[in-house]
Amino acid sequence: MAEISDAKSRANKKWDDNNKARKQYINKRSVARNFIKQLATDDDLAELLGLISDRHKSLKQNNK
């Protein structure tokens, strides 16, 4: 893997520091997707489908 220049490292750190909430969101989304794609069992997926359905309903109610 190629090394990252000092300037790029500083720029990445600056972005990370200024966008902590966005970085956390992206990280959690990635973890969730990887869990679903690689590790989830049938039982896990069934539970997640229920949670997703509940979340959809909640979002629809809040957007009215």
PDB file of N, CA and C in Angstrom:
ATOM      1  N   MET A   1       0.847  -1.175   0.000  1.00  0.00           N
ATOM      2  CA  MET A   1       0.000   0.000   0.000  1.00  0.00           C
ATOM      3  C   MET A   1       0.894   1.241   0.000  1.00  0.00           C
ATOM      4  N   ALA A   2       0.531   2.223  -0.758  1.00  0.00           N
ATOM      5  CA  ALA A   2       1.332   3.436  -0.883  1.00  0.00           C
ATOM      6  C   ALA A   2       1.254   4.273   0.391  1.00  0.00           C
ATOM      7  N   GLU A   3       2.353   4.936   0.687  1.00  0.00           N
ATOM      8  CA  GLU A   3       2.384   5.825   1.847  1.00  0.00           C
ATOM      9  C   GLU A   3       1.590   7.087   1.548  1.00  0.00           C
ATOM     10  N   ILE A   4       1.014   7.642   2.609  1.00  0.00           N
ATOM     11  CA  ILE A   4       0.261   8.890   2.482  1.00  0.00           C
ATOM     12  C   ILE A   4       1.206  10.037   2.816  1.00  0.00           C
ATOM     13  N   SER A   5       1.174  11.083   2.017  1.00  0.00           N
ATOM     14  CA  SER A   5       2.052  12.219   2.250  1.00  0.00           C
ATOM     15  C   SER A   5       1.673  12.914   3.550  1.00  0.00           C
ATOM     16  N   ASP A   6       2.603  13.672   4.092  1.00  0.00           N
ATOM     17  CA  ASP A   6       2.343  14.428   5.320  1.00  0.00           C
ATOM     18  C   ASP A   6       1.188  15.403   5.132  1.00  0.00           C
ATOM     19  N   ALA A   7       1.139  16.036   3.978  1.00  0.00           N
ATOM     20  CA  ALA A   7       0.068  16.999   3.717  1.00  0.00           C
ATOM     21  C   ALA A   7      -1.287  16.311   3.711  1.00  0.00           C
ATOM     22  N   LYS A   8      -1.365  15.131   3.082  1.00  0.00           N
ATOM     23  CA  LYS A   8      -2.621  14.391   3.032  1.00  0.00           C
ATOM     24  C   LYS A   8      -3.015  13.922   4.432  1.00  0.00           C
ATOM     25  N   SER A   9      -2.053  13.475   5.221  1.00  0.00           N
ATOM     26  CA  SER A   9      -2.332  13.053   6.596  1.00  0.00           C
ATOM     27  C   SER A   9      -2.883  14.208   7.419  1.00  0.00           C
ATOM     28  N   ARG A  10      -2.281  15.382   7.265  1.00  0.00           N
ATOM     29  CA  ARG A  10      -2.767  16.567   8.000  1.00  0.00           C
ATOM     30  C   ARG A  10      -4.167  16.944   7.546  1.00  0.00           C
ATOM     31  N   ALA A  11      -4.402  16.873   6.243  1.00  0.00           N
ATOM     32  CA  ALA A  11      -5.725  17.208   5.710  1.00  0.00           C
ATOM     33  C   ALA A  11      -6.767  16.218   6.225  1.00  0.00           C
ATOM     34  N   ASN A  12      -6.429  14.934   6.246  1.00  0.00           N
ATOM     35  CA  ASN A  12      -7.350  13.923   6.762  1.00  0.00           C
ATOM     36  C   ASN A  12      -7.652  14.166   8.231  1.00  0.00           C
ATOM     37  N   LYS A  13      -6.622  14.465   9.018  1.00  0.00           N
ATOM     38  CA  LYS A  13      -6.819  14.719  10.448  1.00  0.00           C
ATOM     39  C   LYS A  13      -7.683  15.964  10.659  1.00  0.00           C
ATOM     40  N   LYS A  14      -7.461  16.974   9.867  1.00  0.00           N
ATOM     41  CA  LYS A  14      -8.258  18.203   9.995  1.00  0.00           C
ATOM     42  C   LYS A  14      -9.722  17.908   9.683  1.00  0.00           C
ATOM     43  N   TRP A  15      -9.977  17.148   8.616  1.00  0.00           N
ATOM     44  CA  TRP A  15     -11.355  16.796   8.266  1.00  0.00           C
ATOM     45  C   TRP A  15     -11.987  15.978   9.387  1.00  0.00           C
ATOM     46  N   ASP A  16     -11.252  14.978   9.882  1.00  0.00           N
ATOM     47  CA  ASP A  16     -11.760  14.141  10.965  1.00  0.00           C
ATOM     48  C   ASP A  16     -12.119  14.978  12.190  1.00  0.00           C
ATOM     49  N   ASP A  17     -11.252  15.908  12.543  1.00  0.00           N
ATOM     50  CA  ASP A  17     -11.488  16.756  13.717  1.00  0.00           C
ATOM     51  C   ASP A  17     -12.689  17.677  13.532  1.00  0.00           C
ATOM     52  N   ASN A  18     -12.898  18.131  12.306  1.00  0.00           N
ATOM     53  CA  ASN A  18     -13.998  19.060  12.035  1.00  0.00           C
ATOM     54  C   ASN A  18     -15.319  18.368  11.719  1.00  0.00           C
ATOM     55  N   ASN A  19     -15.288  17.052  11.535  1.00  0.00           N
ATOM     56  CA  ASN A  19     -16.487  16.313  11.137  1.00  0.00           C
ATOM     57  C   ASN A  19     -16.662  15.038  11.961  1.00  0.00           C
ATOM     58  N   LYS A  20     -16.544  15.178  13.276  1.00  0.00           N
ATOM     59  CA  LYS A  20     -16.590  14.004  14.150  1.00  0.00           C
ATOM     60  C   LYS A  20     -17.912  13.251  14.039  1.00  0.00           C
ATOM     61  N   ALA A  21     -19.020  13.962  14.023  1.00  0.00           N
ATOM     62  CA  ALA A  21     -20.325  13.307  13.951  1.00  0.00           C
ATOM     63  C   ALA A  21     -20.484  12.570  12.617  1.00  0.00           C
ATOM     64  N   ARG A  22     -20.072  13.181  11.533  1.00  0.00           N
ATOM     65  CA  ARG A  22     -20.178  12.552  10.209  1.00  0.00           C
ATOM     66  C   ARG A  22     -19.284  11.316  10.134  1.00  0.00           C
ATOM     67  N   LYS A  23     -18.071  11.431  10.675  1.00  0.00           N
ATOM     68  CA  LYS A  23     -17.144  10.307  10.670  1.00  0.00           C
ATOM     69  C   LYS A  23     -17.723   9.140  11.475  1.00  0.00           C
ATOM     70  N   GLN A  24     -18.313   9.431  12.614  1.00  0.00           N
ATOM     71  CA  GLN A  24     -18.923   8.400  13.449  1.00  0.00           C
ATOM     72  C   GLN A  24     -20.093   7.738  12.720  1.00  0.00           C
ATOM     73  N   TYR A  25     -20.919   8.544  12.059  1.00  0.00           N
ATOM     74  CA  TYR A  25     -22.047   8.016  11.279  1.00  0.00           C
ATOM     75  C   TYR A  25     -21.551   7.060  10.195  1.00  0.00           C
ATOM     76  N   ILE A  26     -20.552   7.478   9.433  1.00  0.00           N
ATOM     77  CA  ILE A  26     -20.019   6.661   8.347  1.00  0.00           C
ATOM     78  C   ILE A  26     -19.435   5.357   8.897  1.00  0.00           C
ATOM     79  N   ASN A  27     -18.732   5.454  10.009  1.00  0.00           N
ATOM     80  CA  ASN A  27     -18.130   4.272  10.615  1.00  0.00           C
ATOM     81  C   ASN A  27     -19.201   3.286  11.072  1.00  0.00           C
ATOM     82  N   LYS A  28     -20.225   3.772  11.772  1.00  0.00           N
ATOM     83  CA  LYS A  28     -21.288   2.889  12.259  1.00  0.00           C
ATOM     84  C   LYS A  28     -22.066   2.261  11.111  1.00  0.00           C
ATOM     85  N   ARG A  29     -22.321   3.033  10.063  1.00  0.00           N
ATOM     86  CA  ARG A  29     -23.015   2.498   8.897  1.00  0.00           C
ATOM     87  C   ARG A  29     -22.196   1.379   8.260  1.00  0.00           C
ATOM     88  N   SER A  30     -20.904   1.576   8.158  1.00  0.00           N
ATOM     89  CA  SER A  30     -20.020   0.569   7.587  1.00  0.00           C
ATOM     90  C   SER A  30     -20.009  -0.708   8.427  1.00  0.00           C
ATOM     91  N   VAL A  31     -19.949  -0.561   9.736  1.00  0.00           N
ATOM     92  CA  VAL A  31     -19.964  -1.723  10.627  1.00  0.00           C
ATOM     93  C   VAL A  31     -21.269  -2.494  10.462  1.00  0.00           C
ATOM     94  N   ALA A  32     -22.390  -1.780  10.412  1.00  0.00           N
ATOM     95  CA  ALA A  32     -23.695  -2.434  10.254  1.00  0.00           C
ATOM     96  C   ALA A  32     -23.773  -3.189   8.931  1.00  0.00           C
ATOM     97  N   ARG A  33     -23.343  -2.559   7.868  1.00  0.00           N
ATOM     98  CA  ARG A  33     -23.383  -3.215   6.557  1.00  0.00           C
ATOM     99  C   ARG A  33     -22.515  -4.459   6.518  1.00  0.00           C
ATOM    100  N   ASN A  34     -21.317  -4.360   7.064  1.00  0.00           N
ATOM    101  CA  ASN A  34     -20.421  -5.510   7.066  1.00  0.00           C
ATOM    102  C   ASN A  34     -20.983  -6.647   7.913  1.00  0.00           C
ATOM    103  N   PHE A  35     -21.606  -6.331   9.038  1.00  0.00           N
ATOM    104  CA  PHE A  35     -22.227  -7.355   9.860  1.00  0.00           C
ATOM    105  C   PHE A  35     -23.306  -8.086   9.068  1.00  0.00           C
ATOM    106  N   ILE A  36     -24.161  -7.312   8.412  1.00  0.00           N
ATOM    107  CA  ILE A  36     -25.253  -7.912   7.638  1.00  0.00           C
ATOM    108  C   ILE A  36     -24.697  -8.777   6.504  1.00  0.00           C
ATOM    109  N   LYS A  37     -23.720  -8.279   5.791  1.00  0.00           N
ATOM    110  CA  LYS A  37     -23.193  -8.996   4.633  1.00  0.00           C
ATOM    111  C   LYS A  37     -22.378 -10.234   5.002  1.00  0.00           C
ATOM    112  N   GLN A  38     -21.672 -10.191   6.137  1.00  0.00           N
ATOM    113  CA  GLN A  38     -20.698 -11.242   6.392  1.00  0.00           C
ATOM    114  C   GLN A  38     -21.002 -12.147   7.586  1.00  0.00           C
ATOM    115  N   LEU A  39     -21.692 -11.633   8.602  1.00  0.00           N
ATOM    116  CA  LEU A  39     -21.802 -12.400   9.844  1.00  0.00           C
ATOM    117  C   LEU A  39     -23.216 -12.760  10.273  1.00  0.00           C
ATOM    118  N   ALA A  40     -24.192 -12.000   9.845  1.00  0.00           N
ATOM    119  CA  ALA A  40     -25.550 -12.165  10.360  1.00  0.00           C
ATOM    120  C   ALA A  40     -26.122 -13.546  10.044  1.00  0.00           C
ATOM    121  N   THR A  41     -26.789 -14.105  11.051  1.00  0.00           N
ATOM    122  CA  THR A  41     -27.491 -15.372  10.881  1.00  0.00           C
ATOM    123  C   THR A  41     -28.927 -15.072  10.448  1.00  0.00           C
ATOM    124  N   ASP A  42     -29.674 -16.127  10.147  1.00  0.00           N
ATOM    125  CA  ASP A  42     -31.084 -15.947   9.790  1.00  0.00           C
ATOM    126  C   ASP A  42     -31.839 -15.269  10.929  1.00  0.00           C
ATOM    127  N   ASP A  43     -31.555 -15.678  12.165  1.00  0.00           N
ATOM    128  CA  ASP A  43     -32.216 -15.058  13.320  1.00  0.00           C
ATOM    129  C   ASP A  43     -31.859 -13.583  13.438  1.00  0.00           C
ATOM    130  N   ASP A  44     -30.580 -13.256  13.218  1.00  0.00           N
ATOM    131  CA  ASP A  44     -30.146 -11.853  13.259  1.00  0.00           C
ATOM    132  C   ASP A  44     -30.889 -11.038  12.205  1.00  0.00           C
ATOM    133  N   LEU A  45     -30.967 -11.584  10.998  1.00  0.00           N
ATOM    134  CA  LEU A  45     -31.614 -10.861   9.906  1.00  0.00           C
ATOM    135  C   LEU A  45     -33.102 -10.656  10.175  1.00  0.00           C
ATOM    136  N   ALA A  46     -33.754 -11.653  10.746  1.00  0.00           N
ATOM    137  CA  ALA A  46     -35.176 -11.518  11.082  1.00  0.00           C
ATOM    138  C   ALA A  46     -35.370 -10.404  12.114  1.00  0.00           C
ATOM    139  N   GLU A  47     -34.515 -10.384  13.117  1.00  0.00           N
ATOM    140  CA  GLU A  47     -34.609  -9.327  14.136  1.00  0.00           C
ATOM    141  C   GLU A  47     -34.344  -7.953  13.522  1.00  0.00           C
ATOM    142  N   LEU A  48     -33.338  -7.878  12.673  1.00  0.00           N
ATOM    143  CA  LEU A  48     -32.998  -6.602  12.044  1.00  0.00           C
ATOM    144  C   LEU A  48     -34.127  -6.103  11.146  1.00  0.00           C
ATOM    145  N   LEU A  49     -34.791  -7.006  10.440  1.00  0.00           N
ATOM    146  CA  LEU A  49     -35.925  -6.607   9.603  1.00  0.00           C
ATOM    147  C   LEU A  49     -37.019  -5.955  10.450  1.00  0.00           C
ATOM    148  N   GLY A  50     -37.280  -6.518  11.612  1.00  0.00           N
ATOM    149  CA  GLY A  50     -38.266  -5.920  12.518  1.00  0.00           C
ATOM    150  C   GLY A  50     -37.830  -4.551  12.994  1.00  0.00           C
ATOM    151  N   LEU A  51     -36.557  -4.419  13.352  1.00  0.00           N
ATOM    152  CA  LEU A  51     -36.036  -3.123  13.806  1.00  0.00           C
ATOM    153  C   LEU A  51     -36.084  -2.084  12.694  1.00  0.00           C
ATOM    154  N   ILE A  52     -35.765  -2.522  11.482  1.00  0.00           N
ATOM    155  CA  ILE A  52     -35.799  -1.605  10.340  1.00  0.00           C
ATOM    156  C   ILE A  52     -37.231  -1.150  10.066  1.00  0.00           C
ATOM    157  N   SER A  53     -38.167  -2.067  10.145  1.00  0.00           N
ATOM    158  CA  SER A  53     -39.571  -1.723   9.935  1.00  0.00           C
ATOM    159  C   SER A  53     -40.037  -0.707  10.978  1.00  0.00           C
ATOM    160  N   ASP A  54     -39.685  -0.936  12.227  1.00  0.00           N
ATOM    161  CA  ASP A  54     -40.045   0.006  13.296  1.00  0.00           C
ATOM    162  C   ASP A  54     -39.427   1.378  13.052  1.00  0.00           C
ATOM    163  N   ARG A  55     -38.181   1.390  12.607  1.00  0.00           N
ATOM    164  CA  ARG A  55     -37.490   2.662  12.345  1.00  0.00           C
ATOM    165  C   ARG A  55     -38.158   3.405  11.191  1.00  0.00           C
ATOM    166  N   HIS A  56     -38.542   2.690  10.138  1.00  0.00           N
ATOM    167  CA  HIS A  56     -39.252   3.303   9.010  1.00  0.00           C
ATOM    168  C   HIS A  56     -40.542   3.975   9.496  1.00  0.00           C
ATOM    169  N   LYS A  57     -41.305   3.260  10.306  1.00  0.00           N
ATOM    170  CA  LYS A  57     -42.567   3.802  10.837  1.00  0.00           C
ATOM    171  C   LYS A  57     -42.308   5.060  11.657  1.00  0.00           C
ATOM    172  N   SER A  58     -41.288   5.005  12.485  1.00  0.00           N
ATOM    173  CA  SER A  58     -40.946   6.150  13.339  1.00  0.00           C
ATOM    174  C   SER A  58     -40.554   7.366  12.497  1.00  0.00           C
ATOM    175  N   LEU A  59     -39.756   7.144  11.469  1.00  0.00           N
ATOM    176  CA  LEU A  59     -39.328   8.246  10.614  1.00  0.00           C
ATOM    177  C   LEU A  59     -40.514   8.846   9.853  1.00  0.00           C
ATOM    178  N   LYS A  60     -41.424   7.980   9.380  1.00  0.00           N
ATOM    179  CA  LYS A  60     -42.595   8.473   8.660  1.00  0.00           C
ATOM    180  C   LYS A  60     -43.471   9.322   9.567  1.00  0.00           C
ATOM    181  N   GLN A  61     -43.632   8.906  10.810  1.00  0.00           N
ATOM    182  CA  GLN A  61     -44.460   9.666  11.765  1.00  0.00           C
ATOM    183  C   GLN A  61     -43.827  11.017  12.082  1.00  0.00           C
ATOM    184  N   ASN A  62     -42.506  11.045  12.198  1.00  0.00           N
ATOM    185  CA  ASN A  62     -41.814  12.288  12.528  1.00  0.00           C
ATOM    186  C   ASN A  62     -41.787  13.274  11.361  1.00  0.00           C
ATOM    187  N   ASN A  63     -41.946  12.790  10.153  1.00  0.00           N
ATOM    188  CA  ASN A  63     -41.896  13.653   8.969  1.00  0.00           C
ATOM    189  C   ASN A  63     -43.251  14.230   8.603  1.00  0.00           C
ATOM    190  N   LYS A  64     -44.292  13.849   9.326  1.00  0.00           N
ATOM    191  CA  LYS A  64     -45.628  14.364   9.017  1.00  0.00           C
ATOM    192  C   LYS A  64     -45.822  15.753   9.534  1.00  0.00           C
TER     193      LYS A  64
END
